[in-house]
Amino acid sequence: MDQLLAMRAFSRVVEAGSFTRAADSLDMPNATMSKLVQELEAHLGVRLLQRTTRRVTVTPEGQDYYAKATRILRDLEDIDSSFSVARSNPRGRLRVDVGGLPARNVLIPLLSDFIARYPDIRIDLGVSDRPVDLISDNVDCVIRGGPLDDSSLIARHIGDAVMVTCATPKYLKQFGVPAYPEELKNGHKLISYLSPQNGKAMPFRFERDGDRIEIQAQRHIGINESNAHLAASIAGLGIVQTFAYAANPAIRDGSLVEILKKWRPPPYPFHVVYPNNRHVTHRLRVFVDWLLACFPAGVRGTDRR
């Protein structure tokens, strides 16, 4: 038995909550994963996991072994990182999750610079507006905008996005150009962004001279994915509130027109988030430092105020 590999396999099953998800995260056949854990249990002489057809639960002995095994695995990674080659040339796989618009318009255009600096880091990029569980999904970090709810995570602020309100010229010709936020309640068709967490429509937010207004008018259409949300406005379905960096190309070519410029929403914060109970690898550390240096310029976009 390869005890180190068996420890890694067992730890991933605990974190992922299933053999299948753990096997996928380690690029390992499910049968191999199961055999490693069985061999580890036989070696220790205790049951670490209780298996049924529907779920996997950790025994008290398994919880104790998991806590000690993860400490050993972190110590081993510290030892590897302590050598000069590892410090100067971080390597390995980095799993990053990011929303649709920041992936398309900010992160992906910048990634060639990161890859050129750190050619031995392989990136698995998950693109979705839906929240992920960093532990069970074996994700190293996520890039997310908006308020942060989970205080058990480490969050580094990496920039603030300018927000704009816009619609197509054809739409504005038909329904008129609102001069004040409250006019959106008077027959305008609003394209709301639906929270991927709870399905609720995000209000239209406005700010001027320190005064903030939220408009929660009845939506014409609701969409829970950021690229499709912007595309609906470009298609002429109504008024949208979105990131300037994503809307600016359409504004520049005349497909969209920014409205209510004097009532722009407050800046929208972005953070890179990672677990506080997991060892921060050198590859994650250099990625976070790189984000702090380059992401702010991309997420701000071009301010046309």
Protein backbone atom coordinates (compact mmCIF):
# COMPACT_ATOMS: atom_id res chain seq x y z
CA MET A 1 0.00 0.00 0.00
CA ASP A 2 1.15 3.51 -0.84
CA GLN A 3 0.23 5.00 2.53
CA LEU A 4 0.75 8.62 1.47
CA LEU A 5 -1.50 8.18 -1.56
CA ALA A 6 -4.06 6.38 0.61
CA MET A 7 -4.04 9.30 3.07
CA ARG A 8 -4.62 11.75 0.21
CA ALA A 9 -7.43 9.59 -1.14
CA PHE A 10 -9.14 9.27 2.24
CA SER A 11 -8.83 13.02 2.93
CA ARG A 12 -10.42 13.87 -0.41
CA VAL A 13 -13.35 11.51 0.23
CA VAL A 14 -13.98 13.25 3.55
CA GLU A 15 -13.81 16.69 1.92
CA ALA A 16 -15.83 15.80 -1.19
CA GLY A 17 -18.42 13.73 0.64
CA SER A 18 -18.37 10.95 -1.96
CA PHE A 19 -15.96 8.52 -3.58
CA THR A 20 -16.97 9.59 -7.08
CA ARG A 21 -16.31 13.30 -6.55
CA ALA A 22 -13.07 12.55 -4.73
CA ALA A 23 -11.89 10.26 -7.54
CA ASP A 24 -12.70 12.90 -10.15
CA SER A 25 -10.76 15.57 -8.25
CA LEU A 26 -7.65 13.35 -8.08
CA ASP A 27 -8.00 12.06 -11.67
CA MET A 28 -8.24 8.55 -10.29
CA PRO A 29 -10.61 5.65 -11.10
CA ASN A 30 -13.37 5.20 -8.54
CA ALA A 31 -12.35 1.59 -7.95
CA THR A 32 -8.78 2.64 -7.17
CA MET A 33 -10.01 5.26 -4.72
CA SER A 34 -12.17 2.71 -2.92
CA LYS A 35 -9.33 0.15 -2.80
CA LEU A 36 -6.90 2.69 -1.31
CA VAL A 37 -9.31 3.59 1.49
CA GLN A 38 -10.04 -0.10 2.20
CA GLU A 39 -6.31 -0.84 2.38
CA LEU A 40 -5.81 2.11 4.72
CA GLU A 41 -8.61 0.87 7.00
CA ALA A 42 -7.11 -2.63 7.00
CA HIS A 43 -3.68 -1.22 7.81
CA LEU A 44 -5.05 0.81 10.73
CA GLY A 45 -7.48 -1.86 11.90
CA VAL A 46 -10.38 0.63 12.21
CA ARG A 47 -13.35 1.70 10.16
CA LEU A 48 -12.79 5.24 8.88
CA LEU A 49 -15.91 5.60 6.71
CA GLN A 50 -19.43 4.22 6.80
CA ARG A 51 -20.67 3.55 3.26
CA THR A 52 -24.25 3.13 2.08
CA THR A 53 -25.68 3.22 -1.44
CA ARG A 54 -26.59 6.88 -0.97
CA ARG A 55 -23.99 8.49 1.24
CA VAL A 56 -20.62 8.32 2.93
CA THR A 57 -20.25 9.32 6.58
CA VAL A 58 -17.08 9.68 8.61
CA THR A 59 -16.72 7.61 11.78
CA PRO A 60 -15.32 9.20 14.98
CA GLU A 61 -12.06 7.37 14.31
CA GLY A 62 -12.15 8.70 10.76
CA GLN A 63 -12.59 12.28 11.98
CA ASP A 64 -9.58 11.91 14.26
CA TYR A 65 -7.45 10.35 11.53
CA TYR A 66 -8.51 13.01 9.01
CA ALA A 67 -7.41 15.86 11.32
CA LYS A 68 -3.99 14.27 11.84
CA ALA A 69 -3.54 13.20 8.22
CA THR A 70 -4.27 16.66 6.82
CA ARG A 71 -1.66 18.15 9.14
CA ILE A 72 0.91 15.69 7.80
CA LEU A 73 -0.06 16.41 4.19
CA ARG A 74 0.27 20.17 4.80
CA ASP A 75 3.66 19.67 6.45
CA LEU A 76 4.88 17.67 3.45
CA GLU A 77 3.80 20.42 1.08
CA ASP A 78 5.60 22.96 3.27
CA ILE A 79 8.76 20.87 3.01
CA ASP A 80 8.48 20.74 -0.79
CA SER A 81 7.87 24.48 -0.97
CA SER A 82 10.84 25.27 1.24
CA PHE A 83 13.35 24.38 -1.46
CA SER A 84 14.58 27.11 -3.78
CA VAL A 85 13.40 25.43 -6.98
CA ALA A 86 9.86 25.20 -5.65
CA ARG A 87 9.95 28.81 -4.48
CA SER A 88 11.20 30.20 -7.77
CA ASN A 89 9.20 27.86 -10.01
CA PRO A 90 5.83 27.07 -8.42
CA ARG A 91 4.20 24.13 -10.10
CA GLY A 92 1.11 21.97 -9.99
CA ARG A 93 -2.59 22.32 -10.65
CA LEU A 94 -4.56 25.36 -9.53
CA ARG A 95 -8.36 25.15 -9.53
CA VAL A 96 -10.05 28.56 -9.87
CA ASP A 97 -13.77 29.35 -10.08
CA VAL A 98 -15.07 32.64 -11.49
CA GLY A 99 -18.33 34.15 -12.74
CA GLY A 100 -19.20 34.37 -16.43
CA LEU A 101 -18.62 38.06 -17.16
CA PRO A 102 -15.39 38.53 -15.19
CA ALA A 103 -14.06 35.32 -16.73
CA ARG A 104 -14.79 36.41 -20.29
CA ASN A 105 -13.93 40.11 -20.05
CA VAL A 106 -11.24 40.31 -17.37
CA LEU A 107 -9.53 37.10 -16.22
CA ILE A 108 -9.17 35.17 -19.47
CA PRO A 109 -7.68 38.13 -21.41
CA LEU A 110 -5.10 38.53 -18.61
CA LEU A 111 -4.19 34.87 -18.16
CA SER A 112 -1.51 34.79 -20.86
CA ASP A 113 0.60 37.05 -18.64
CA PHE A 114 0.24 34.72 -15.66
CA ILE A 115 1.00 31.63 -17.75
CA ALA A 116 4.10 33.31 -19.18
CA ARG A 117 5.36 34.07 -15.66
CA TYR A 118 4.51 30.66 -14.19
CA PRO A 119 4.56 28.09 -17.02
CA ASP A 120 4.60 25.12 -14.62
CA ILE A 121 1.24 26.00 -13.03
CA ARG A 122 -1.69 24.28 -14.73
CA ILE A 123 -5.02 26.06 -14.33
CA ASP A 124 -8.43 24.40 -14.21
CA LEU A 125 -10.92 27.24 -14.68
CA GLY A 126 -14.52 26.72 -13.59
CA VAL A 127 -16.81 29.37 -15.09
CA SER A 128 -20.23 29.76 -13.50
CA ASP A 129 -22.23 32.34 -11.59
CA ARG A 130 -23.39 29.63 -9.20
CA PRO A 131 -21.57 29.40 -5.86
CA VAL A 132 -19.24 26.47 -5.26
CA ASP A 133 -18.15 24.72 -2.08
CA LEU A 134 -14.41 25.25 -2.03
CA ILE A 135 -13.76 22.23 0.19
CA SER A 136 -16.04 19.57 -1.29
CA ASP A 137 -15.44 20.75 -4.87
CA ASN A 138 -11.66 20.86 -4.25
CA VAL A 139 -11.37 24.43 -5.53
CA ASP A 140 -8.32 26.46 -4.52
CA CYS A 141 -9.97 29.87 -4.81
CA VAL A 142 -12.97 31.67 -6.25
CA ILE A 143 -13.29 35.17 -7.69
CA ARG A 144 -16.64 36.65 -6.72
CA GLY A 145 -18.35 40.01 -6.70
CA GLY A 146 -20.73 41.49 -4.16
CA PRO A 147 -21.14 41.04 -0.42
CA LEU A 148 -19.46 38.09 1.29
CA ASP A 149 -21.56 35.95 3.61
CA ASP A 150 -19.19 33.21 4.79
CA SER A 151 -16.87 34.55 7.51
CA SER A 152 -14.98 31.23 7.63
CA LEU A 153 -13.25 32.09 4.35
CA ILE A 154 -10.28 34.35 3.67
CA ALA A 155 -11.21 37.17 1.28
CA ARG A 156 -8.80 39.56 -0.43
CA HIS A 157 -10.26 42.62 -2.08
CA ILE A 158 -8.99 42.77 -5.69
CA GLY A 159 -10.94 45.64 -7.24
CA ASP A 160 -14.18 47.56 -7.67
CA ALA A 161 -16.19 47.45 -10.87
CA VAL A 162 -17.97 50.47 -12.34
CA MET A 163 -21.66 49.71 -12.90
CA VAL A 164 -23.83 51.13 -15.68
CA THR A 165 -27.51 51.14 -16.63
CA CYS A 166 -28.23 50.78 -20.32
CA ALA A 167 -30.60 49.77 -23.11
CA THR A 168 -30.66 49.69 -26.91
CA PRO A 169 -31.40 52.85 -28.96
CA LYS A 170 -34.49 51.12 -30.38
CA TYR A 171 -35.82 50.38 -26.91
CA LEU A 172 -35.25 53.96 -25.73
CA LYS A 173 -36.95 55.36 -28.83
CA GLN A 174 -40.01 53.21 -28.11
CA PHE A 175 -40.25 53.61 -24.32
CA GLY A 176 -38.41 56.88 -23.71
CA VAL A 177 -35.23 57.77 -21.84
CA PRO A 178 -35.76 57.90 -18.05
CA ALA A 179 -34.36 61.01 -16.37
CA TYR A 180 -34.66 59.71 -12.78
CA PRO A 181 -34.43 56.19 -11.30
CA GLU A 182 -38.06 56.29 -10.12
CA GLU A 183 -39.20 56.50 -13.75
CA LEU A 184 -38.17 52.88 -14.22
CA LYS A 185 -41.37 51.95 -12.41
CA ASN A 186 -43.48 53.64 -15.09
CA GLY A 187 -43.90 51.05 -17.81
CA HIS A 188 -40.24 50.27 -18.46
CA LYS A 189 -39.14 46.68 -19.09
CA LEU A 190 -36.45 45.69 -16.63
CA ILE A 191 -34.07 42.77 -17.12
CA SER A 192 -33.24 41.61 -13.61
CA TYR A 193 -30.26 39.55 -12.57
CA LEU A 194 -31.43 36.60 -10.48
CA SER A 195 -29.19 35.56 -7.62
CA PRO A 196 -27.78 32.08 -8.35
CA GLN A 197 -27.91 31.42 -4.60
CA ASN A 198 -31.59 32.03 -3.91
CA GLY A 199 -33.22 32.97 -7.22
CA LYS A 200 -34.23 36.43 -5.99
CA ALA A 201 -34.02 39.42 -8.33
CA MET A 202 -31.23 41.85 -7.52
CA PRO A 203 -32.60 45.40 -7.16
CA PHE A 204 -31.50 48.19 -9.48
CA ARG A 205 -29.22 50.38 -7.36
CA PHE A 206 -28.42 54.06 -7.86
CA GLU A 207 -26.26 56.63 -6.08
CA ARG A 208 -25.85 60.39 -6.39
CA ASP A 209 -24.15 62.80 -4.00
CA GLY A 210 -24.24 60.22 -1.24
CA ASP A 211 -27.93 59.41 -1.72
CA ARG A 212 -28.69 55.79 -2.55
CA ILE A 213 -31.85 54.45 -4.14
CA GLU A 214 -32.99 50.88 -4.74
CA ILE A 215 -35.63 50.12 -7.38
CA GLN A 216 -37.35 46.77 -6.98
CA ALA A 217 -39.89 47.17 -9.78
CA GLN A 218 -41.58 44.17 -11.34
CA ARG A 219 -39.17 42.62 -13.82
CA HIS A 220 -39.95 41.93 -17.44
CA ILE A 221 -37.45 39.08 -17.55
CA GLY A 222 -35.07 37.52 -15.00
CA ILE A 223 -31.79 35.79 -15.84
CA ASN A 224 -29.34 34.04 -13.50
CA GLU A 225 -26.22 34.03 -15.73
CA SER A 226 -24.24 37.22 -16.31
CA ASN A 227 -23.35 36.78 -20.00
CA ALA A 228 -26.96 35.97 -20.89
CA HIS A 229 -28.12 38.87 -18.71
CA LEU A 230 -26.12 41.36 -20.80
CA ALA A 231 -27.04 39.62 -24.07
CA ALA A 232 -30.74 40.11 -23.29
CA SER A 233 -30.27 43.87 -23.18
CA ILE A 234 -28.27 43.92 -26.43
CA ALA A 235 -31.16 41.95 -27.97
CA GLY A 236 -33.49 44.83 -27.07
CA LEU A 237 -35.46 43.06 -24.35
CA GLY A 238 -35.22 45.93 -21.88
CA ILE A 239 -33.05 47.90 -19.46
CA VAL A 240 -30.15 46.19 -17.74
CA GLN A 241 -27.74 47.14 -14.98
CA THR A 242 -24.35 45.51 -15.46
CA PHE A 243 -20.58 45.99 -15.33
CA ALA A 244 -19.08 48.81 -17.41
CA TYR A 245 -16.16 46.63 -18.48
CA ALA A 246 -18.61 44.19 -20.10
CA ALA A 247 -21.04 46.73 -21.57
CA ASN A 248 -18.48 49.25 -22.91
CA PRO A 249 -17.84 47.48 -26.25
CA ALA A 250 -21.57 47.57 -27.03
CA ILE A 251 -21.79 51.19 -25.82
CA ARG A 252 -18.88 52.20 -28.05
CA ASP A 253 -20.36 50.60 -31.18
CA GLY A 254 -23.82 52.02 -30.48
CA SER A 255 -25.57 48.74 -29.69
CA LEU A 256 -26.30 50.03 -26.18
CA VAL A 257 -26.77 53.48 -24.69
CA GLU A 258 -25.90 54.28 -21.10
CA ILE A 259 -28.74 56.01 -19.24
CA LEU A 260 -29.01 57.65 -15.83
CA LYS A 261 -25.29 58.52 -15.88
CA LYS A 262 -25.69 60.94 -12.98
CA TRP A 263 -27.19 58.10 -10.94
CA ARG A 264 -24.60 55.40 -11.45
CA PRO A 265 -24.73 52.53 -8.95
CA PRO A 266 -22.09 52.36 -6.20
CA PRO A 267 -18.91 50.47 -7.16
CA TYR A 268 -19.23 46.69 -7.05
CA PRO A 269 -16.45 44.99 -5.03
CA PHE A 270 -14.62 41.88 -6.19
CA HIS A 271 -12.70 39.47 -3.94
CA VAL A 272 -10.57 36.40 -4.32
CA VAL A 273 -11.70 33.91 -1.68
CA TYR A 274 -10.09 30.74 -0.33
CA PRO A 275 -10.53 28.50 2.76
CA ASN A 276 -8.82 29.53 5.99
CA ASN A 277 -8.34 25.92 7.13
CA ARG A 278 -6.38 24.79 4.09
CA HIS A 279 -2.67 25.23 3.54
CA VAL A 280 -1.99 28.10 1.14
CA THR A 281 0.28 26.62 -1.50
CA HIS A 282 2.97 28.66 -3.20
CA ARG A 283 1.09 28.44 -6.50
CA LEU A 284 -2.05 29.87 -4.87
CA ARG A 285 -0.04 32.60 -3.17
CA VAL A 286 1.55 33.79 -6.44
CA PHE A 287 -1.84 33.66 -8.19
CA VAL A 288 -3.45 35.82 -5.50
CA ASP A 289 -0.55 38.29 -5.61
CA TRP A 290 -0.85 38.44 -9.41
CA LEU A 291 -4.60 39.11 -9.14
CA LEU A 292 -4.02 41.94 -6.68
CA ALA A 293 -1.63 43.57 -9.13
CA CYS A 294 -3.49 43.23 -12.44
CA PHE A 295 -7.18 42.53 -11.80
CA PRO A 296 -8.21 46.03 -10.61
CA ALA A 297 -7.44 47.72 -13.94
CA GLY A 298 -9.40 45.10 -15.88
CA VAL A 299 -12.44 45.17 -13.65
CA ARG A 300 -12.71 48.97 -13.61
CA GLY A 301 -13.10 49.15 -17.38
CA THR A 302 -13.29 52.52 -19.09
CA ASP A 303 -15.06 55.20 -17.12
CA ARG A 304 -17.17 57.27 -19.52
CA ARG A 305 -18.69 59.46 -16.84
